[in-house]
Amino acid sequence: MLTSKQRAYLRGLASGYETIFQIGKGGISENLIQQVNDALRKRELIKLRVLDNSEFTAREAADQIAEAVKADVVQVIGSRFVLFKRNAQDPVIDLKAAK
C-alpha cells in the first residue's frame, strides 16, 4: 500500500513516461496481463491507455489489471492510468525519496 506522499512522488515520475500499453477492443487478455507483469518487473512504474473502442473505462481497466498483477494504481486521468509494483529483488525506484 502506498502512502499519499509516495503516490505523489510516483505521479511526478510518471508524468515524463511514455504510454507503453494500449487497451482496445480486444480487452484485457492473458497475454496483456503477462506483458504488463513483465514490464512492471523491469520498470516498476508504467503508464497505460484505454482506447475509445474499448469496453472498459480507464478506472475499470486499471483496477482489473492491478488486481491481476498485484500492483498499485497510482493515478487515473482521462483515458490513461499508471501502475506501480515494487521489485523486491532489484528495485529501480527509491520510494524513500518521497519523504
N, C-alpha and C. Protein backbone atom coordinates (compact mmCIF):
# COMPACT_ATOMS: atom_id res chain seq x y z
N MET A 1 0.84 -1.18 0.00
CA MET A 1 0.00 0.00 0.00
C MET A 1 0.88 1.24 0.00
N LEU A 2 0.55 2.17 -0.85
CA LEU A 2 1.33 3.39 -0.98
C LEU A 2 0.76 4.51 -0.10
N THR A 3 1.65 5.31 0.45
CA THR A 3 1.20 6.49 1.19
C THR A 3 0.89 7.59 0.19
N SER A 4 0.26 8.66 0.64
CA SER A 4 -0.08 9.75 -0.27
C SER A 4 1.19 10.44 -0.80
N LYS A 5 2.22 10.53 0.02
CA LYS A 5 3.48 11.15 -0.42
C LYS A 5 4.17 10.27 -1.47
N GLN A 6 4.15 8.97 -1.26
CA GLN A 6 4.73 8.06 -2.25
C GLN A 6 3.96 8.12 -3.56
N ARG A 7 2.64 8.16 -3.45
CA ARG A 7 1.79 8.23 -4.65
C ARG A 7 2.07 9.53 -5.42
N ALA A 8 2.21 10.65 -4.70
CA ALA A 8 2.51 11.93 -5.34
C ALA A 8 3.89 11.89 -6.02
N TYR A 9 4.85 11.28 -5.37
CA TYR A 9 6.20 11.14 -5.93
C TYR A 9 6.16 10.32 -7.22
N LEU A 10 5.42 9.21 -7.19
CA LEU A 10 5.31 8.35 -8.36
C LEU A 10 4.55 9.04 -9.50
N ARG A 11 3.53 9.84 -9.16
CA ARG A 11 2.81 10.60 -10.19
C ARG A 11 3.76 11.56 -10.90
N GLY A 12 4.62 12.20 -10.12
CA GLY A 12 5.61 13.11 -10.70
C GLY A 12 6.57 12.39 -11.64
N LEU A 13 7.03 11.22 -11.22
CA LEU A 13 7.91 10.43 -12.08
C LEU A 13 7.20 10.00 -13.37
N ALA A 14 5.96 9.57 -13.23
CA ALA A 14 5.21 9.03 -14.37
C ALA A 14 4.84 10.11 -15.38
N SER A 15 4.84 11.37 -14.98
CA SER A 15 4.45 12.42 -15.93
C SER A 15 5.39 12.48 -17.13
N GLY A 16 6.63 12.09 -16.96
CA GLY A 16 7.57 12.09 -18.07
C GLY A 16 7.63 10.78 -18.83
N TYR A 17 6.88 9.79 -18.39
CA TYR A 17 6.91 8.47 -19.03
C TYR A 17 6.01 8.43 -20.26
N GLU A 18 6.38 7.59 -21.21
CA GLU A 18 5.55 7.33 -22.39
C GLU A 18 4.58 6.19 -22.07
N THR A 19 3.43 6.21 -22.73
CA THR A 19 2.47 5.13 -22.61
C THR A 19 3.02 3.91 -23.35
N ILE A 20 3.10 2.77 -22.65
CA ILE A 20 3.70 1.60 -23.31
C ILE A 20 2.68 0.52 -23.66
N PHE A 21 1.47 0.60 -23.12
CA PHE A 21 0.43 -0.38 -23.47
C PHE A 21 -0.87 0.34 -23.75
N GLN A 22 -1.64 -0.20 -24.69
CA GLN A 22 -2.96 0.32 -25.00
C GLN A 22 -3.97 -0.81 -24.92
N ILE A 23 -5.12 -0.49 -24.37
CA ILE A 23 -6.19 -1.47 -24.24
C ILE A 23 -7.29 -1.05 -25.20
N GLY A 24 -7.57 -1.89 -26.18
CA GLY A 24 -8.56 -1.56 -27.20
C GLY A 24 -9.74 -2.51 -27.17
N LYS A 25 -10.28 -2.77 -28.36
CA LYS A 25 -11.48 -3.61 -28.43
C LYS A 25 -11.20 -5.06 -28.06
N GLY A 26 -9.93 -5.45 -28.08
CA GLY A 26 -9.57 -6.81 -27.67
C GLY A 26 -9.70 -7.02 -26.17
N GLY A 27 -9.78 -5.94 -25.43
CA GLY A 27 -9.96 -6.03 -23.98
C GLY A 27 -8.68 -6.41 -23.25
N ILE A 28 -8.85 -7.00 -22.10
CA ILE A 28 -7.73 -7.39 -21.24
C ILE A 28 -7.56 -8.90 -21.35
N SER A 29 -6.53 -9.30 -22.06
CA SER A 29 -6.28 -10.73 -22.28
C SER A 29 -5.18 -11.22 -21.35
N GLU A 30 -5.01 -12.53 -21.32
CA GLU A 30 -3.94 -13.13 -20.51
C GLU A 30 -2.57 -12.68 -21.02
N ASN A 31 -2.47 -12.53 -22.34
CA ASN A 31 -1.22 -12.07 -22.94
C ASN A 31 -0.88 -10.65 -22.46
N LEU A 32 -1.87 -9.77 -22.43
CA LEU A 32 -1.66 -8.40 -21.95
C LEU A 32 -1.24 -8.41 -20.48
N ILE A 33 -1.91 -9.23 -19.68
CA ILE A 33 -1.57 -9.33 -18.25
C ILE A 33 -0.12 -9.77 -18.09
N GLN A 34 0.31 -10.74 -18.85
CA GLN A 34 1.69 -11.23 -18.77
C GLN A 34 2.69 -10.16 -19.19
N GLN A 35 2.38 -9.43 -20.25
CA GLN A 35 3.27 -8.37 -20.72
C GLN A 35 3.37 -7.24 -19.69
N VAL A 36 2.24 -6.87 -19.10
CA VAL A 36 2.23 -5.84 -18.06
C VAL A 36 3.05 -6.30 -16.86
N ASN A 37 2.88 -7.54 -16.47
CA ASN A 37 3.63 -8.08 -15.33
C ASN A 37 5.14 -8.05 -15.60
N ASP A 38 5.54 -8.43 -16.81
CA ASP A 38 6.95 -8.40 -17.18
C ASP A 38 7.50 -6.98 -17.18
N ALA A 39 6.72 -6.03 -17.71
CA ALA A 39 7.15 -4.63 -17.75
C ALA A 39 7.27 -4.06 -16.34
N LEU A 40 6.34 -4.42 -15.46
CA LEU A 40 6.40 -3.94 -14.07
C LEU A 40 7.61 -4.52 -13.35
N ARG A 41 7.95 -5.75 -13.64
CA ARG A 41 9.11 -6.38 -13.00
C ARG A 41 10.39 -5.63 -13.38
N LYS A 42 10.46 -5.17 -14.62
CA LYS A 42 11.65 -4.49 -15.09
C LYS A 42 11.67 -3.01 -14.73
N ARG A 43 10.53 -2.33 -14.88
CA ARG A 43 10.47 -0.87 -14.72
C ARG A 43 9.86 -0.39 -13.40
N GLU A 44 8.99 -1.18 -12.82
CA GLU A 44 8.24 -0.89 -11.59
C GLU A 44 7.11 0.11 -11.79
N LEU A 45 7.23 1.05 -12.71
CA LEU A 45 6.22 2.08 -12.92
C LEU A 45 5.93 2.17 -14.42
N ILE A 46 4.66 1.96 -14.81
CA ILE A 46 4.30 2.01 -16.22
C ILE A 46 3.02 2.80 -16.42
N LYS A 47 2.88 3.33 -17.63
CA LYS A 47 1.69 4.10 -17.99
C LYS A 47 0.96 3.34 -19.10
N LEU A 48 -0.36 3.25 -18.96
CA LEU A 48 -1.20 2.56 -19.93
C LEU A 48 -2.33 3.47 -20.38
N ARG A 49 -2.94 3.12 -21.51
CA ARG A 49 -4.02 3.92 -22.06
C ARG A 49 -5.15 3.02 -22.52
N VAL A 50 -6.38 3.49 -22.30
CA VAL A 50 -7.57 2.79 -22.77
C VAL A 50 -8.10 3.54 -23.99
N LEU A 51 -8.20 2.84 -25.10
CA LEU A 51 -8.68 3.45 -26.34
C LEU A 51 -10.20 3.63 -26.30
N ASP A 52 -10.71 4.51 -27.17
CA ASP A 52 -12.14 4.80 -27.21
C ASP A 52 -12.99 3.59 -27.56
N ASN A 53 -12.45 2.66 -28.35
CA ASN A 53 -13.24 1.50 -28.76
C ASN A 53 -13.20 0.35 -27.73
N SER A 54 -12.62 0.59 -26.59
CA SER A 54 -12.56 -0.45 -25.55
C SER A 54 -13.87 -0.51 -24.78
N GLU A 55 -14.16 -1.68 -24.25
CA GLU A 55 -15.37 -1.84 -23.44
C GLU A 55 -15.14 -1.40 -21.99
N PHE A 56 -13.91 -1.06 -21.64
CA PHE A 56 -13.55 -0.68 -20.27
C PHE A 56 -13.36 0.83 -20.16
N THR A 57 -13.65 1.37 -18.98
CA THR A 57 -13.21 2.72 -18.65
C THR A 57 -11.78 2.59 -18.13
N ALA A 58 -11.09 3.70 -18.02
CA ALA A 58 -9.72 3.65 -17.52
C ALA A 58 -9.69 3.12 -16.09
N ARG A 59 -10.63 3.51 -15.25
CA ARG A 59 -10.68 3.05 -13.86
C ARG A 59 -10.91 1.55 -13.79
N GLU A 60 -11.84 1.05 -14.58
CA GLU A 60 -12.14 -0.39 -14.59
C GLU A 60 -10.92 -1.19 -15.04
N ALA A 61 -10.28 -0.73 -16.12
CA ALA A 61 -9.11 -1.43 -16.63
C ALA A 61 -7.97 -1.39 -15.61
N ALA A 62 -7.76 -0.22 -15.00
CA ALA A 62 -6.69 -0.08 -14.01
C ALA A 62 -6.91 -1.02 -12.84
N ASP A 63 -8.12 -1.06 -12.33
CA ASP A 63 -8.42 -1.93 -11.19
C ASP A 63 -8.27 -3.41 -11.54
N GLN A 64 -8.76 -3.80 -12.72
CA GLN A 64 -8.70 -5.21 -13.12
C GLN A 64 -7.25 -5.65 -13.36
N ILE A 65 -6.48 -4.85 -14.04
CA ILE A 65 -5.09 -5.22 -14.31
C ILE A 65 -4.27 -5.20 -13.03
N ALA A 66 -4.47 -4.18 -12.19
CA ALA A 66 -3.72 -4.08 -10.93
C ALA A 66 -3.99 -5.30 -10.05
N GLU A 67 -5.23 -5.74 -10.01
CA GLU A 67 -5.57 -6.92 -9.21
C GLU A 67 -4.91 -8.17 -9.78
N ALA A 68 -4.89 -8.27 -11.10
CA ALA A 68 -4.32 -9.47 -11.75
C ALA A 68 -2.81 -9.57 -11.54
N VAL A 69 -2.11 -8.44 -11.53
CA VAL A 69 -0.65 -8.47 -11.40
C VAL A 69 -0.19 -8.08 -9.99
N LYS A 70 -1.14 -7.83 -9.10
CA LYS A 70 -0.85 -7.44 -7.70
C LYS A 70 -0.02 -6.15 -7.65
N ALA A 71 -0.51 -5.13 -8.37
CA ALA A 71 0.16 -3.83 -8.42
C ALA A 71 -0.74 -2.78 -7.77
N ASP A 72 -0.20 -1.59 -7.57
CA ASP A 72 -0.95 -0.46 -7.04
C ASP A 72 -1.31 0.48 -8.18
N VAL A 73 -2.55 0.98 -8.17
CA VAL A 73 -2.95 2.01 -9.11
C VAL A 73 -2.47 3.34 -8.53
N VAL A 74 -1.58 4.01 -9.25
CA VAL A 74 -1.02 5.28 -8.78
C VAL A 74 -1.95 6.42 -9.16
N GLN A 75 -2.46 6.39 -10.39
CA GLN A 75 -3.22 7.52 -10.89
C GLN A 75 -4.08 7.08 -12.07
N VAL A 76 -5.28 7.67 -12.16
CA VAL A 76 -6.14 7.50 -13.34
C VAL A 76 -6.57 8.90 -13.76
N ILE A 77 -6.20 9.28 -14.97
CA ILE A 77 -6.61 10.58 -15.51
C ILE A 77 -7.09 10.37 -16.93
N GLY A 78 -8.35 10.71 -17.17
CA GLY A 78 -8.91 10.54 -18.51
C GLY A 78 -8.85 9.11 -18.96
N SER A 79 -8.18 8.87 -20.07
CA SER A 79 -8.09 7.50 -20.60
C SER A 79 -6.76 6.83 -20.22
N ARG A 80 -5.94 7.50 -19.42
CA ARG A 80 -4.63 6.95 -19.05
C ARG A 80 -4.58 6.60 -17.56
N PHE A 81 -3.74 5.61 -17.26
CA PHE A 81 -3.54 5.27 -15.86
C PHE A 81 -2.12 4.76 -15.65
N VAL A 82 -1.68 4.83 -14.40
CA VAL A 82 -0.31 4.48 -14.03
C VAL A 82 -0.36 3.39 -12.98
N LEU A 83 0.47 2.36 -13.17
CA LEU A 83 0.57 1.25 -12.22
C LEU A 83 1.99 1.18 -11.65
N PHE A 84 2.07 0.76 -10.39
CA PHE A 84 3.36 0.58 -9.73
C PHE A 84 3.38 -0.77 -9.03
N LYS A 85 4.49 -1.48 -9.20
CA LYS A 85 4.69 -2.74 -8.48
C LYS A 85 6.16 -2.82 -8.10
N ARG A 86 6.41 -2.91 -6.82
CA ARG A 86 7.78 -2.96 -6.30
C ARG A 86 8.46 -4.26 -6.69
N ASN A 87 9.68 -4.15 -7.17
CA ASN A 87 10.51 -5.32 -7.45
C ASN A 87 11.39 -5.53 -6.23
N ALA A 88 11.09 -6.53 -5.43
CA ALA A 88 11.80 -6.75 -4.16
C ALA A 88 13.25 -7.13 -4.36
N GLN A 89 13.57 -7.84 -5.44
CA GLN A 89 14.94 -8.31 -5.65
C GLN A 89 15.84 -7.28 -6.29
N ASP A 90 15.30 -6.46 -7.19
CA ASP A 90 16.13 -5.48 -7.90
C ASP A 90 15.35 -4.17 -8.05
N PRO A 91 15.17 -3.41 -6.96
CA PRO A 91 14.36 -2.18 -7.04
C PRO A 91 14.96 -1.13 -7.96
N VAL A 92 14.10 -0.47 -8.70
CA VAL A 92 14.52 0.56 -9.65
C VAL A 92 14.23 1.96 -9.06
N ILE A 93 13.06 2.11 -8.43
CA ILE A 93 12.63 3.40 -7.90
C ILE A 93 12.80 3.42 -6.39
N ASP A 94 13.42 4.48 -5.91
CA ASP A 94 13.65 4.64 -4.47
C ASP A 94 12.49 5.43 -3.86
N LEU A 95 11.60 4.73 -3.16
CA LEU A 95 10.45 5.40 -2.54
C LEU A 95 10.84 6.20 -1.31
N LYS A 96 12.03 6.02 -0.82
CA LYS A 96 12.49 6.82 0.33
C LYS A 96 12.67 8.28 -0.04
N ALA A 97 12.84 8.54 -1.32
CA ALA A 97 12.96 9.93 -1.81
C ALA A 97 11.63 10.67 -1.71
N ALA A 98 10.54 9.95 -1.48
CA ALA A 98 9.21 10.55 -1.39
C ALA A 98 8.97 11.22 -0.05
N LYS A 99 9.84 11.03 0.91
CA LYS A 99 9.61 11.56 2.26
C LYS A 99 10.04 12.99 2.39
